[in-house]
């Protein structure tokens, strides 16, 4: 008597995309979970069966910002600059049903790969558009978003045209009066890039905070930091509780301590904007 066929094991997928070579790697511990990398740098982790599972620490910190943006389960209008495999939009759709979300991603090859292998379920309220993030932002309606998430990296670096005060003013224009901007950034000591980004957004928004691991802020290693900006005060105490309870605890810097960190850093303008620093060898790659 023949034994029943075993289900096929998921296998890695290799694909050339606009930004390099993308790989989808199955997680052996989670049945329908995948890690997306581009040229060896992790881009996204998605569990198709459990969209609230967030593997990357920086994604959890961005999610904490969204969690604190409104009451539990309240729908939000969210604009995501940078898509990857749409981890955070899937999370928002699961935790805040009825939310309207637009995801802007410039890499057509990456979009095609995600649509084929990690399709977004119908009825989630997530719309994906292929476009340059800055150009899309400049054309977006004023006061149309509750939350704007920027997580755009090209070759592991934030593009220069997404670092200037002109860009920050466009983000401010698109946000509602009480809207929140959150950006995933990466830097290391002496933090010239991170300080300049904070100075730039402080010139446009009254309220500013930074979420990062203490080891990163002490200059011990290169790493991610989440910048949060708004015109109105947001619940930094709730944000601090969430980030402190993470498996990899982070702290929220604001007020006087953040102003000391910024120091005399200059405001960045389009004319002098440069990409974020190149990560040290092995800082983010996984082989």
Foldseek 3Di string as FASTA:
>chain_A
DDDDDDDDQDQKDWDQWPQAIWIWHDDPVARQWTWIDHPQFTDAIARLVDLLDGDDLVLVLVVLVVPQLDDWQAAWEEEEEADQLNSNLSNSLVGHPPHAYEYEAQIPRRVVVSCVRVNDDPRSNYHYDHDHRQVVLQVAAFQAGQEYEYEDDRLNKAAQVCQALVNLVSVNRRHHQFHKYKYKHKDAPVCLSVLQSQVSNVVPEVWKKKKDQPCRVVRVFIDIMMIMGHNDDTDQVSSQVSQCPDPRHIGMDTDPVSCVSSDPRHGHHSVRTHIYDNHDPPRRGDD
